[in-house]
Amino acid sequence: MKYIFNSIIAGVLTALFLACDPIVDEKGVGEVITSADQIQATIIPVVQNGLNTNKVKVSCTSPVSCQWTDGVNLYASSETELTLLLAGSQTITLNALAADGTVFEKKFEYNVESMYYPVAPEYGYFCGAGEKVWTWADTKCFGNGGGSDTGPAWWILNPEDIKEQCVSKNLPLDGKGATMQFILSGKKMIKTTMDGVKYEGKFDFDMTAGTSGWSLGTVTFTNTNILCGYDFNDASYSAWSKYNIIYLDDEKMVLGAQEHAPNSNYWYWVFKAQ
C-alpha cells in the first residue's frame, strides 16, 4: 500500500513538472542523483542595511530539473530570485526531478528580517500575516444592484436574513456566523458554513483585470466559493468562480459579479475581517 501511495505522489509531482514551461538550463550528466542529500543547492540572502531581506537568490548545480517554491508561487528554474511575501521564518522548498523520473525534495529555512522589496499589498489584505478569517459585514452585506453600484443597492440583506434564503433554495448555510479563511501558503481558502461544513479550495487574484472607476481587479476560486456566491436570479442558482474586487483593505472586502445570461444586473458581497 505504501508503495502504491508513493508511486501516486511521484506521478503527480512528475506531471506538475511536465505541465510547467520547459527548463532550458541544461547540465552535463555528472553524478547520478539517487537522494536529496546529493543535490547541490544553495539559497543566498539579498542583504540591505545589514539585514536579510525578503529577496533570496536560489541556485541548484546538480543534473536535475528544478522547481523552487516559497509555498505560494512556483519558479521552474535551476537559478532564480524569489521575492518572499512575509516577514519572519520562511521555508523554501526545492523539488528536483532526476533523470530516472524520481522527484526529490530539499527544504531550506530562511528568516526575513526586512521587507525591503515591495510585494502586492493584496496578499496581506486577504491573508494577514499568513492566515486571516473573513465573515459578513454587520449590515447591508449582500444584495443586488446595477453595474455602476459599489455595493448592494436594491434588494439588501443583513447577515441574519441570509440563512432563510439558503434554506429555501437548498443551498449551503452561508448565513450569519459562516466564515472564509484565506491562507497564504498554497493560496488556500476554506469556507465554513453555519453548521460547520467546510469547502476547501484555492484562490488567486489578478490586479491587472480591474475596470477603471469601478473595480480594482478580480479574485478567482477553485473547488470552493465565497459565502452565498450563487446567482439568486438564475433558475439553478449557478455559482460564480470569478469576482470583481470592488474594494479591499485590511478590514473590509467588497466583491461584485454580473448575473448569468440573459440577465445583466449585478450581485454584491460585503465582508469584514474577523
C-alpha atoms as a PDB file:
ATOM      1  CA  MET A   1       0.000   0.000   0.000  1.00  0.00           C
ATOM      2  CA  LYS A   2       2.855   2.360   0.913  1.00  0.00           C
ATOM      3  CA  TYR A   3       4.478   1.594  -2.466  1.00  0.00           C
ATOM      4  CA  ILE A   4       1.248   2.455  -4.297  1.00  0.00           C
ATOM      5  CA  PHE A   5       0.911   5.725  -2.364  1.00  0.00           C
ATOM      6  CA  ASN A   6       4.491   6.734  -3.066  1.00  0.00           C
ATOM      7  CA  SER A   7       4.052   5.888  -6.737  1.00  0.00           C
ATOM      8  CA  ILE A   8       0.968   8.105  -6.929  1.00  0.00           C
ATOM      9  CA  ILE A   9       2.777  11.031  -5.284  1.00  0.00           C
ATOM     10  CA  ALA A  10       5.740  10.659  -7.628  1.00  0.00           C
ATOM     11  CA  GLY A  11       3.397  10.579 -10.609  1.00  0.00           C
ATOM     12  CA  VAL A  12       1.593  13.742  -9.513  1.00  0.00           C
ATOM     13  CA  LEU A  13       4.831  15.652  -8.993  1.00  0.00           C
ATOM     14  CA  THR A  14       6.181  14.452 -12.325  1.00  0.00           C
ATOM     15  CA  ALA A  15       3.013  15.691 -14.018  1.00  0.00           C
ATOM     16  CA  LEU A  16       3.498  19.092 -12.393  1.00  0.00           C
ATOM     17  CA  PHE A  17       6.984  19.318 -13.865  1.00  0.00           C
ATOM     18  CA  LEU A  18       5.723  18.357 -17.307  1.00  0.00           C
ATOM     19  CA  ALA A  19       2.984  20.984 -17.100  1.00  0.00           C
ATOM     20  CA  CYS A  20       5.450  23.807 -16.467  1.00  0.00           C
ATOM     21  CA  ASP A  21       7.385  25.731 -19.055  1.00  0.00           C
ATOM     22  CA  PRO A  22      10.331  23.734 -20.421  1.00  0.00           C
ATOM     23  CA  ILE A  23      13.518  24.040 -18.387  1.00  0.00           C
ATOM     24  CA  VAL A  24      16.261  25.409 -20.555  1.00  0.00           C
ATOM     25  CA  ASP A  25      19.081  25.097 -18.005  1.00  0.00           C
ATOM     26  CA  GLU A  26      20.943  22.064 -19.302  1.00  0.00           C
ATOM     27  CA  LYS A  27      23.696  20.383 -17.310  1.00  0.00           C
ATOM     28  CA  GLY A  28      26.037  17.556 -18.058  1.00  0.00           C
ATOM     29  CA  VAL A  29      25.171  14.054 -16.927  1.00  0.00           C
ATOM     30  CA  GLY A  30      27.602  14.232 -13.984  1.00  0.00           C
ATOM     31  CA  GLU A  31      26.609  12.451 -10.789  1.00  0.00           C
ATOM     32  CA  VAL A  32      23.533  10.223 -10.881  1.00  0.00           C
ATOM     33  CA  ILE A  33      21.187  11.642  -8.258  1.00  0.00           C
ATOM     34  CA  THR A  34      19.675   8.979  -6.003  1.00  0.00           C
ATOM     35  CA  SER A  35      18.920  11.008  -2.845  1.00  0.00           C
ATOM     36  CA  ALA A  36      18.140  14.564  -1.767  1.00  0.00           C
ATOM     37  CA  ASP A  37      21.431  14.716   0.140  1.00  0.00           C
ATOM     38  CA  GLN A  38      23.341  14.583  -3.155  1.00  0.00           C
ATOM     39  CA  ILE A  39      21.647  17.679  -4.555  1.00  0.00           C
ATOM     40  CA  GLN A  40      23.947  20.702  -4.608  1.00  0.00           C
ATOM     41  CA  ALA A  41      21.698  23.701  -3.980  1.00  0.00           C
ATOM     42  CA  THR A  42      22.010  26.989  -2.124  1.00  0.00           C
ATOM     43  CA  ILE A  43      19.944  29.988  -1.091  1.00  0.00           C
ATOM     44  CA  ILE A  44      21.733  33.316  -0.688  1.00  0.00           C
ATOM     45  CA  PRO A  45      20.036  36.267   1.018  1.00  0.00           C
ATOM     46  CA  VAL A  46      19.979  39.666  -0.617  1.00  0.00           C
ATOM     47  CA  VAL A  47      21.196  41.876   2.224  1.00  0.00           C
ATOM     48  CA  GLN A  48      20.277  45.536   2.645  1.00  0.00           C
ATOM     49  CA  ASN A  49      21.411  47.659   5.595  1.00  0.00           C
ATOM     50  CA  GLY A  50      22.881  44.584   7.224  1.00  0.00           C
ATOM     51  CA  LEU A  51      19.572  42.683   7.256  1.00  0.00           C
ATOM     52  CA  ASN A  52      18.372  39.630   5.338  1.00  0.00           C
ATOM     53  CA  THR A  53      15.648  40.969   3.061  1.00  0.00           C
ATOM     54  CA  ASN A  54      12.614  39.313   1.541  1.00  0.00           C
ATOM     55  CA  LYS A  55      14.567  38.543  -1.621  1.00  0.00           C
ATOM     56  CA  VAL A  56      16.815  35.478  -1.979  1.00  0.00           C
ATOM     57  CA  LYS A  57      18.892  34.064  -4.805  1.00  0.00           C
ATOM     58  CA  VAL A  58      18.456  30.311  -5.244  1.00  0.00           C
ATOM     59  CA  SER A  59      20.687  28.007  -7.253  1.00  0.00           C
ATOM     60  CA  CYS A  60      20.988  24.297  -7.989  1.00  0.00           C
ATOM     61  CA  THR A  61      24.019  22.904  -9.849  1.00  0.00           C
ATOM     62  CA  SER A  62      23.055  19.226  -9.799  1.00  0.00           C
ATOM     63  CA  PRO A  63      21.861  17.456 -13.005  1.00  0.00           C
ATOM     64  CA  VAL A  64      18.147  17.732 -12.171  1.00  0.00           C
ATOM     65  CA  SER A  65      15.160  19.770 -13.339  1.00  0.00           C
ATOM     66  CA  CYS A  66      14.202  22.225 -10.626  1.00  0.00           C
ATOM     67  CA  GLN A  67      11.089  23.777  -9.162  1.00  0.00           C
ATOM     68  CA  TRP A  68      11.540  26.222  -6.307  1.00  0.00           C
ATOM     69  CA  THR A  69       8.623  27.369  -4.162  1.00  0.00           C
ATOM     70  CA  ASP A  70       8.068  29.640  -1.192  1.00  0.00           C
ATOM     71  CA  GLY A  71       4.745  27.886  -0.548  1.00  0.00           C
ATOM     72  CA  VAL A  72       2.894  30.461  -2.625  1.00  0.00           C
ATOM     73  CA  ASN A  73       4.474  30.702  -6.068  1.00  0.00           C
ATOM     74  CA  LEU A  74       6.405  28.217  -8.222  1.00  0.00           C
ATOM     75  CA  TYR A  75       9.623  29.024 -10.078  1.00  0.00           C
ATOM     76  CA  ALA A  76      10.716  26.500 -12.724  1.00  0.00           C
ATOM     77  CA  SER A  77      14.423  27.198 -12.986  1.00  0.00           C
ATOM     78  CA  SER A  78      17.703  25.956 -11.572  1.00  0.00           C
ATOM     79  CA  GLU A  79      18.730  29.525 -10.726  1.00  0.00           C
ATOM     80  CA  THR A  80      16.437  32.458  -9.980  1.00  0.00           C
ATOM     81  CA  GLU A  81      15.390  35.073  -7.424  1.00  0.00           C
ATOM     82  CA  LEU A  82      12.443  34.695  -5.063  1.00  0.00           C
ATOM     83  CA  THR A  83      10.647  37.646  -3.518  1.00  0.00           C
ATOM     84  CA  LEU A  84       9.113  36.431  -0.272  1.00  0.00           C
ATOM     85  CA  LEU A  85       5.772  37.780   0.859  1.00  0.00           C
ATOM     86  CA  LEU A  86       6.027  37.701   4.654  1.00  0.00           C
ATOM     87  CA  ALA A  87       8.463  38.706   7.370  1.00  0.00           C
ATOM     88  CA  GLY A  88       9.916  36.146   9.755  1.00  0.00           C
ATOM     89  CA  SER A  89      10.726  32.463   9.371  1.00  0.00           C
ATOM     90  CA  GLN A  90      10.126  31.006   5.898  1.00  0.00           C
ATOM     91  CA  THR A  91      10.546  27.594   4.297  1.00  0.00           C
ATOM     92  CA  ILE A  92      11.862  27.490   0.735  1.00  0.00           C
ATOM     93  CA  THR A  93      11.463  24.135  -0.989  1.00  0.00           C
ATOM     94  CA  LEU A  94      13.291  22.691  -3.973  1.00  0.00           C
ATOM     95  CA  ASN A  95      11.561  19.862  -5.845  1.00  0.00           C
ATOM     96  CA  ALA A  96      14.136  18.213  -8.098  1.00  0.00           C
ATOM     97  CA  LEU A  97      13.263  15.833 -10.930  1.00  0.00           C
ATOM     98  CA  ALA A  98      16.077  13.344 -11.558  1.00  0.00           C
ATOM     99  CA  ALA A  99      16.833  11.693 -14.906  1.00  0.00           C
ATOM    100  CA  ASP A 100      15.015   8.489 -13.916  1.00  0.00           C
ATOM    101  CA  GLY A 101      11.807  10.380 -13.071  1.00  0.00           C
ATOM    102  CA  THR A 102      12.302  10.369  -9.303  1.00  0.00           C
ATOM    103  CA  VAL A 103      11.355  13.586  -7.517  1.00  0.00           C
ATOM    104  CA  PHE A 104      13.443  14.647  -4.524  1.00  0.00           C
ATOM    105  CA  GLU A 105      12.532  17.367  -2.051  1.00  0.00           C
ATOM    106  CA  LYS A 106      15.002  19.607  -0.252  1.00  0.00           C
ATOM    107  CA  LYS A 107      13.941  22.270   2.267  1.00  0.00           C
ATOM    108  CA  PHE A 108      15.743  25.424   3.401  1.00  0.00           C
ATOM    109  CA  GLU A 109      14.839  27.578   6.395  1.00  0.00           C
ATOM    110  CA  TYR A 110      15.233  31.325   5.969  1.00  0.00           C
ATOM    111  CA  ASN A 111      14.439  34.294   8.203  1.00  0.00           C
ATOM    112  CA  VAL A 112      13.206  37.514   6.586  1.00  0.00           C
ATOM    113  CA  GLU A 113      14.486  40.382   8.720  1.00  0.00           C
ATOM    114  CA  SER A 114      13.467  43.222   6.421  1.00  0.00           C
ATOM    115  CA  MET A 115      10.594  43.572   3.945  1.00  0.00           C
ATOM    116  CA  TYR A 116      12.837  45.774   1.826  1.00  0.00           C
ATOM    117  CA  TYR A 117      11.372  44.776  -1.541  1.00  0.00           C
ATOM    118  CA  PRO A 118       7.719  45.672  -2.175  1.00  0.00           C
ATOM    119  CA  VAL A 119       5.098  42.975  -2.589  1.00  0.00           C
ATOM    120  CA  ALA A 120       1.479  43.242  -3.716  1.00  0.00           C
ATOM    121  CA  PRO A 121      -0.469  44.519  -0.668  1.00  0.00           C
ATOM    122  CA  GLU A 122      -3.401  42.274  -1.574  1.00  0.00           C
ATOM    123  CA  TYR A 123      -1.559  39.256  -0.135  1.00  0.00           C
ATOM    124  CA  GLY A 124      -1.646  40.943   3.262  1.00  0.00           C
ATOM    125  CA  TYR A 125      -5.197  42.196   2.812  1.00  0.00           C
ATOM    126  CA  PHE A 126      -6.539  38.726   2.018  1.00  0.00           C
ATOM    127  CA  CYS A 127      -4.293  36.641   4.291  1.00  0.00           C
ATOM    128  CA  GLY A 128      -2.955  38.930   7.007  1.00  0.00           C
ATOM    129  CA  ALA A 129       0.329  37.611   8.404  1.00  0.00           C
ATOM    130  CA  GLY A 130      -0.302  34.203   6.822  1.00  0.00           C
ATOM    131  CA  GLU A 131      -3.915  33.364   7.668  1.00  0.00           C
ATOM    132  CA  LYS A 132      -6.981  35.543   8.007  1.00  0.00           C
ATOM    133  CA  VAL A 133     -10.697  34.934   8.572  1.00  0.00           C
ATOM    134  CA  TRP A 134     -13.414  36.956   6.877  1.00  0.00           C
ATOM    135  CA  THR A 135     -17.143  36.979   7.598  1.00  0.00           C
ATOM    136  CA  TRP A 136     -20.230  39.005   6.722  1.00  0.00           C
ATOM    137  CA  ALA A 137     -20.230  42.752   7.393  1.00  0.00           C
ATOM    138  CA  ASP A 138     -22.546  43.729  10.252  1.00  0.00           C
ATOM    139  CA  THR A 139     -25.222  45.258   7.987  1.00  0.00           C
ATOM    140  CA  LYS A 140     -26.072  45.560   4.281  1.00  0.00           C
ATOM    141  CA  CYS A 141     -23.767  42.669   3.456  1.00  0.00           C
ATOM    142  CA  PHE A 142     -25.431  41.023   0.445  1.00  0.00           C
ATOM    143  CA  GLY A 143     -27.753  42.009  -2.365  1.00  0.00           C
ATOM    144  CA  ASN A 144     -28.043  43.187  -5.936  1.00  0.00           C
ATOM    145  CA  GLY A 145     -27.751  46.403  -7.881  1.00  0.00           C
ATOM    146  CA  GLY A 146     -26.651  47.922 -11.140  1.00  0.00           C
ATOM    147  CA  GLY A 147     -23.354  47.775 -12.945  1.00  0.00           C
ATOM    148  CA  SER A 148     -22.237  51.156 -11.637  1.00  0.00           C
ATOM    149  CA  ASP A 149     -23.022  50.450  -7.979  1.00  0.00           C
ATOM    150  CA  THR A 150     -20.292  49.607  -5.491  1.00  0.00           C
ATOM    151  CA  GLY A 151     -22.375  47.527  -3.098  1.00  0.00           C
ATOM    152  CA  PRO A 152     -25.902  46.180  -2.537  1.00  0.00           C
ATOM    153  CA  ALA A 153     -28.340  48.847  -3.728  1.00  0.00           C
ATOM    154  CA  TRP A 154     -31.749  47.313  -4.499  1.00  0.00           C
ATOM    155  CA  TRP A 155     -32.531  44.123  -2.604  1.00  0.00           C
ATOM    156  CA  ILE A 156     -30.350  44.357   0.513  1.00  0.00           C
ATOM    157  CA  LEU A 157     -29.845  41.691   3.184  1.00  0.00           C
ATOM    158  CA  ASN A 158     -28.257  41.712   6.626  1.00  0.00           C
ATOM    159  CA  PRO A 159     -26.378  38.644   7.958  1.00  0.00           C
ATOM    160  CA  GLU A 160     -29.386  37.384   9.948  1.00  0.00           C
ATOM    161  CA  ASP A 161     -31.517  37.385   6.758  1.00  0.00           C
ATOM    162  CA  ILE A 162     -29.298  35.038   4.756  1.00  0.00           C
ATOM    163  CA  LYS A 163     -29.961  31.683   6.444  1.00  0.00           C
ATOM    164  CA  GLU A 164     -33.623  31.765   5.382  1.00  0.00           C
ATOM    165  CA  GLN A 165     -32.607  32.378   1.777  1.00  0.00           C
ATOM    166  CA  CYS A 166     -30.134  29.484   1.847  1.00  0.00           C
ATOM    167  CA  VAL A 167     -32.672  27.085   3.372  1.00  0.00           C
ATOM    168  CA  SER A 168     -35.435  27.996   0.897  1.00  0.00           C
ATOM    169  CA  LYS A 169     -33.075  27.486  -2.044  1.00  0.00           C
ATOM    170  CA  ASN A 170     -31.427  24.329  -0.657  1.00  0.00           C
ATOM    171  CA  LEU A 171     -28.003  25.988  -0.668  1.00  0.00           C
ATOM    172  CA  PRO A 172     -25.173  25.662   1.877  1.00  0.00           C
ATOM    173  CA  LEU A 173     -25.943  27.528   5.113  1.00  0.00           C
ATOM    174  CA  ASP A 174     -23.780  30.573   4.449  1.00  0.00           C
ATOM    175  CA  GLY A 175     -25.591  32.906   6.826  1.00  0.00           C
ATOM    176  CA  LYS A 176     -24.528  34.739   9.967  1.00  0.00           C
ATOM    177  CA  GLY A 177     -21.503  33.080  11.570  1.00  0.00           C
ATOM    178  CA  ALA A 178     -20.231  31.446   8.376  1.00  0.00           C
ATOM    179  CA  THR A 179     -16.615  32.282   7.549  1.00  0.00           C
ATOM    180  CA  MET A 180     -13.929  32.285   4.868  1.00  0.00           C
ATOM    181  CA  GLN A 181     -10.340  31.541   5.908  1.00  0.00           C
ATOM    182  CA  PHE A 182      -7.677  32.769   3.490  1.00  0.00           C
ATOM    183  CA  ILE A 183      -4.299  31.020   3.857  1.00  0.00           C
ATOM    184  CA  LEU A 184      -1.250  32.382   2.064  1.00  0.00           C
ATOM    185  CA  SER A 185       0.713  29.107   1.953  1.00  0.00           C
ATOM    186  CA  GLY A 186      -0.669  27.315  -1.079  1.00  0.00           C
ATOM    187  CA  LYS A 187      -3.140  30.183  -1.691  1.00  0.00           C
ATOM    188  CA  LYS A 188      -5.892  28.225   0.036  1.00  0.00           C
ATOM    189  CA  MET A 189      -9.373  29.338   1.016  1.00  0.00           C
ATOM    190  CA  ILE A 190     -11.629  27.375   3.356  1.00  0.00           C
ATOM    191  CA  LYS A 191     -15.296  28.299   3.568  1.00  0.00           C
ATOM    192  CA  THR A 192     -17.069  27.108   6.729  1.00  0.00           C
ATOM    193  CA  THR A 193     -20.865  27.217   6.847  1.00  0.00           C
ATOM    194  CA  MET A 194     -23.031  27.998   9.872  1.00  0.00           C
ATOM    195  CA  ASP A 195     -23.351  24.269  10.585  1.00  0.00           C
ATOM    196  CA  GLY A 196     -19.620  23.579  10.295  1.00  0.00           C
ATOM    197  CA  VAL A 197     -19.412  22.149   6.768  1.00  0.00           C
ATOM    198  CA  LYS A 198     -16.077  23.037   5.159  1.00  0.00           C
ATOM    199  CA  TYR A 199     -15.301  23.660   1.483  1.00  0.00           C
ATOM    200  CA  GLU A 200     -11.544  23.855   0.879  1.00  0.00           C
ATOM    201  CA  GLY A 201     -10.001  25.071  -2.344  1.00  0.00           C
ATOM    202  CA  LYS A 202      -7.671  27.648  -3.870  1.00  0.00           C
ATOM    203  CA  PHE A 203      -7.810  31.343  -4.616  1.00  0.00           C
ATOM    204  CA  ASP A 204      -5.827  33.701  -6.805  1.00  0.00           C
ATOM    205  CA  PHE A 205      -6.144  37.357  -7.696  1.00  0.00           C
ATOM    206  CA  ASP A 206      -5.309  39.499 -10.708  1.00  0.00           C
ATOM    207  CA  MET A 207      -4.998  43.213 -10.045  1.00  0.00           C
ATOM    208  CA  THR A 208      -4.455  43.955 -13.747  1.00  0.00           C
ATOM    209  CA  ALA A 209      -8.024  42.893 -14.574  1.00  0.00           C
ATOM    210  CA  GLY A 210      -9.845  45.807 -12.987  1.00  0.00           C
ATOM    211  CA  THR A 211     -12.427  48.071 -14.600  1.00  0.00           C
ATOM    212  CA  SER A 212     -11.481  51.739 -14.458  1.00  0.00           C
ATOM    213  CA  GLY A 213     -13.611  53.658 -11.984  1.00  0.00           C
ATOM    214  CA  TRP A 214     -15.365  50.548 -10.654  1.00  0.00           C
ATOM    215  CA  SER A 215     -13.227  47.520  -9.746  1.00  0.00           C
ATOM    216  CA  LEU A 216      -9.627  47.061  -8.619  1.00  0.00           C
ATOM    217  CA  GLY A 217      -9.103  43.593 -10.100  1.00  0.00           C
ATOM    218  CA  THR A 218     -10.516  40.080  -9.854  1.00  0.00           C
ATOM    219  CA  VAL A 219     -10.290  37.149  -7.456  1.00  0.00           C
ATOM    220  CA  THR A 220     -10.891  33.578  -8.634  1.00  0.00           C
ATOM    221  CA  PHE A 221     -11.743  30.481  -6.588  1.00  0.00           C
ATOM    222  CA  THR A 222     -11.250  26.806  -7.393  1.00  0.00           C
ATOM    223  CA  ASN A 223     -13.092  23.990  -5.552  1.00  0.00           C
ATOM    224  CA  THR A 224     -14.593  26.459  -3.090  1.00  0.00           C
ATOM    225  CA  ASN A 225     -16.656  29.636  -3.185  1.00  0.00           C
ATOM    226  CA  ILE A 226     -17.329  32.781  -1.197  1.00  0.00           C
ATOM    227  CA  LEU A 227     -20.264  32.956   1.199  1.00  0.00           C
ATOM    228  CA  CYS A 228     -23.516  32.817  -0.747  1.00  0.00           C
ATOM    229  CA  GLY A 229     -21.741  33.010  -4.099  1.00  0.00           C
ATOM    230  CA  TYR A 230     -24.836  31.950  -6.036  1.00  0.00           C
ATOM    231  CA  ASP A 231     -26.921  33.771  -8.616  1.00  0.00           C
ATOM    232  CA  PHE A 232     -30.337  34.051  -6.969  1.00  0.00           C
ATOM    233  CA  ASN A 233     -31.917  35.193 -10.255  1.00  0.00           C
ATOM    234  CA  ASP A 234     -30.700  32.103 -12.110  1.00  0.00           C
ATOM    235  CA  ALA A 235     -33.114  29.164 -12.167  1.00  0.00           C
ATOM    236  CA  SER A 236     -30.429  26.726 -10.992  1.00  0.00           C
ATOM    237  CA  TYR A 237     -28.698  29.234  -8.658  1.00  0.00           C
ATOM    238  CA  SER A 238     -25.477  28.935 -10.629  1.00  0.00           C
ATOM    239  CA  ALA A 239     -22.277  29.703  -8.734  1.00  0.00           C
ATOM    240  CA  TRP A 240     -19.557  32.081  -9.839  1.00  0.00           C
ATOM    241  CA  SER A 241     -15.863  31.317  -9.652  1.00  0.00           C
ATOM    242  CA  LYS A 242     -14.525  34.792 -10.515  1.00  0.00           C
ATOM    243  CA  TYR A 243     -15.465  38.016  -8.728  1.00  0.00           C
ATOM    244  CA  ASN A 244     -14.644  41.663  -9.239  1.00  0.00           C
ATOM    245  CA  ILE A 245     -12.791  43.260  -6.332  1.00  0.00           C
ATOM    246  CA  ILE A 246     -14.716  46.483  -5.733  1.00  0.00           C
ATOM    247  CA  TYR A 247     -12.903  47.399  -2.519  1.00  0.00           C
ATOM    248  CA  LEU A 248     -10.232  45.729  -0.386  1.00  0.00           C
ATOM    249  CA  ASP A 249      -8.170  46.748   2.616  1.00  0.00           C
ATOM    250  CA  ASP A 250      -7.168  45.221   5.955  1.00  0.00           C
ATOM    251  CA  GLU A 251     -10.690  45.418   7.378  1.00  0.00           C
ATOM    252  CA  LYS A 252     -13.200  45.403   4.514  1.00  0.00           C
ATOM    253  CA  MET A 253     -13.765  43.457   1.296  1.00  0.00           C
ATOM    254  CA  VAL A 254     -16.446  44.210  -1.304  1.00  0.00           C
ATOM    255  CA  LEU A 255     -16.912  41.845  -4.245  1.00  0.00           C
ATOM    256  CA  GLY A 256     -19.232  42.009  -7.237  1.00  0.00           C
ATOM    257  CA  ALA A 257     -20.330  39.732 -10.085  1.00  0.00           C
ATOM    258  CA  GLN A 258     -22.631  40.119 -13.069  1.00  0.00           C
ATOM    259  CA  GLU A 259     -25.652  37.854 -13.312  1.00  0.00           C
ATOM    260  CA  HIS A 260     -25.547  34.922 -15.684  1.00  0.00           C
ATOM    261  CA  ALA A 261     -27.038  35.480 -19.161  1.00  0.00           C
ATOM    262  CA  PRO A 262     -29.605  36.525 -20.205  1.00  0.00           C
ATOM    263  CA  ASN A 263     -29.776  38.684 -17.051  1.00  0.00           C
ATOM    264  CA  SER A 264     -27.397  41.614 -16.745  1.00  0.00           C
ATOM    265  CA  ASN A 265     -27.655  43.062 -13.244  1.00  0.00           C
ATOM    266  CA  TYR A 266     -25.030  42.586 -10.521  1.00  0.00           C
ATOM    267  CA  TRP A 267     -24.705  40.987  -7.091  1.00  0.00           C
ATOM    268  CA  TYR A 268     -22.558  42.391  -4.319  1.00  0.00           C
ATOM    269  CA  TRP A 269     -20.992  40.943  -1.161  1.00  0.00           C
ATOM    270  CA  VAL A 270     -19.556  42.925   1.755  1.00  0.00           C
ATOM    271  CA  PHE A 271     -17.255  41.187   4.259  1.00  0.00           C
ATOM    272  CA  LYS A 272     -15.295  42.244   7.321  1.00  0.00           C
ATOM    273  CA  ALA A 273     -12.091  40.847   8.789  1.00  0.00           C
ATOM    274  CA  GLN A 274     -12.757  38.811  11.908  1.00  0.00           C
END
